[in-house]
């Protein structure tokens, strides 16, 4: 089977909403994770340059992981998505 993960939506019952009000610590560069686990998406985005690739994944973190109580950073957020995919694929 070739499972695709569309996204990971985390929960936080104490943080403010909308997510734009949550503190969002970003990892300086996490493109290695994406190049390894999502090469087709990474390559498509790379056509537009590194800045676009960082922006795309940063938005995923900002909107879906930034307010997470259980995940402290972008790397943990995307590693969890990869682990869940691998566990069920």
Protein backbone atom coordinates (compact mmCIF):
# COMPACT_ATOMS: atom_id res chain seq x y z
CA UNK A 1 0.00 0.00 0.00
CA UNK A 2 1.16 3.57 -0.58
CA UNK A 3 -0.46 5.67 2.13
CA UNK A 4 -0.56 9.43 1.71
CA UNK A 5 -0.86 11.72 4.71
CA UNK A 6 -2.82 14.85 3.84
CA UNK A 7 -2.15 16.53 7.14
CA UNK A 8 -1.82 16.27 10.88
CA UNK A 9 -4.19 18.34 13.01
CA UNK A 10 -3.17 18.60 16.63
CA UNK A 11 -5.24 19.64 19.64
CA UNK A 12 -4.72 22.35 22.23
CA UNK A 13 -7.46 23.25 24.65
CA UNK A 14 -5.65 26.07 26.44
CA UNK A 15 -4.06 28.14 23.65
CA UNK A 16 -5.68 31.08 21.92
CA UNK A 17 -7.48 30.77 18.63
CA UNK A 18 -6.99 31.58 15.79
CA UNK A 19 -3.67 29.80 15.36
CA UNK A 20 -2.04 33.06 14.29
CA UNK A 21 -2.06 34.04 17.98
CA UNK A 22 -0.11 30.96 19.10
CA UNK A 23 3.65 31.19 19.55
CA UNK A 24 5.22 29.48 16.56
CA UNK A 25 8.85 28.52 17.04
CA UNK A 26 10.19 27.44 13.65
CA UNK A 27 13.14 25.19 13.00
CA UNK A 28 15.77 26.90 10.86
CA UNK A 29 15.74 24.31 8.11
CA UNK A 30 13.81 21.08 7.91
CA UNK A 31 13.95 20.47 4.19
CA UNK A 32 15.96 17.26 4.68
CA UNK A 33 12.91 15.59 6.26
CA UNK A 34 10.76 16.55 3.30
CA UNK A 35 13.29 15.61 0.64
CA UNK A 36 13.52 12.15 2.20
CA UNK A 37 9.88 11.41 3.03
CA UNK A 38 7.95 13.49 0.49
CA UNK A 39 10.36 13.67 -2.48
CA UNK A 40 7.61 14.20 -5.08
CA UNK A 41 6.20 17.21 -3.20
CA UNK A 42 9.65 18.54 -2.34
CA UNK A 43 10.82 18.36 -5.97
CA UNK A 44 7.70 20.11 -7.24
CA UNK A 45 8.17 22.94 -4.78
CA UNK A 46 11.91 23.12 -5.37
CA UNK A 47 11.22 24.35 -8.90
CA UNK A 48 10.24 27.63 -7.24
CA UNK A 49 13.34 27.71 -5.01
CA UNK A 50 14.28 27.05 -1.40
CA UNK A 51 12.30 29.99 -0.05
CA UNK A 52 9.05 28.64 -1.51
CA UNK A 53 9.74 25.17 -0.10
CA UNK A 54 10.37 26.59 3.38
CA UNK A 55 7.24 28.75 3.13
CA UNK A 56 5.02 25.81 2.12
CA UNK A 57 6.08 23.57 4.99
CA UNK A 58 6.15 26.51 7.40
CA UNK A 59 2.51 27.23 6.62
CA UNK A 60 1.61 23.60 7.35
CA UNK A 61 3.25 23.95 10.75
CA UNK A 62 1.78 27.38 11.46
CA UNK A 63 -1.81 26.41 10.68
CA UNK A 64 -1.85 22.81 11.90
CA UNK A 65 0.90 22.34 14.48
CA UNK A 66 1.77 25.72 15.96
CA UNK A 67 -0.83 25.54 18.73
CA UNK A 68 -0.08 21.95 19.67
CA UNK A 69 0.34 21.21 23.36
CA UNK A 70 2.12 17.91 22.71
CA UNK A 71 4.60 18.97 20.02
CA UNK A 72 7.18 21.64 20.75
CA UNK A 73 8.61 22.27 17.32
CA UNK A 74 8.28 21.85 13.60
CA UNK A 75 10.65 18.89 13.43
CA UNK A 76 8.63 16.91 16.00
CA UNK A 77 5.39 17.76 14.20
CA UNK A 78 6.57 16.48 10.82
CA UNK A 79 8.36 13.46 12.33
CA UNK A 80 5.08 12.45 13.96
CA UNK A 81 3.33 12.65 10.58
CA UNK A 82 6.05 10.46 9.03
CA UNK A 83 5.88 7.97 11.92
CA UNK A 84 2.09 7.67 11.61
CA UNK A 85 2.35 7.17 7.86
CA UNK A 86 5.02 4.48 8.27
CA UNK A 87 3.02 2.75 11.02
CA UNK A 88 -0.09 2.42 8.83
CA UNK A 89 1.45 1.98 5.38
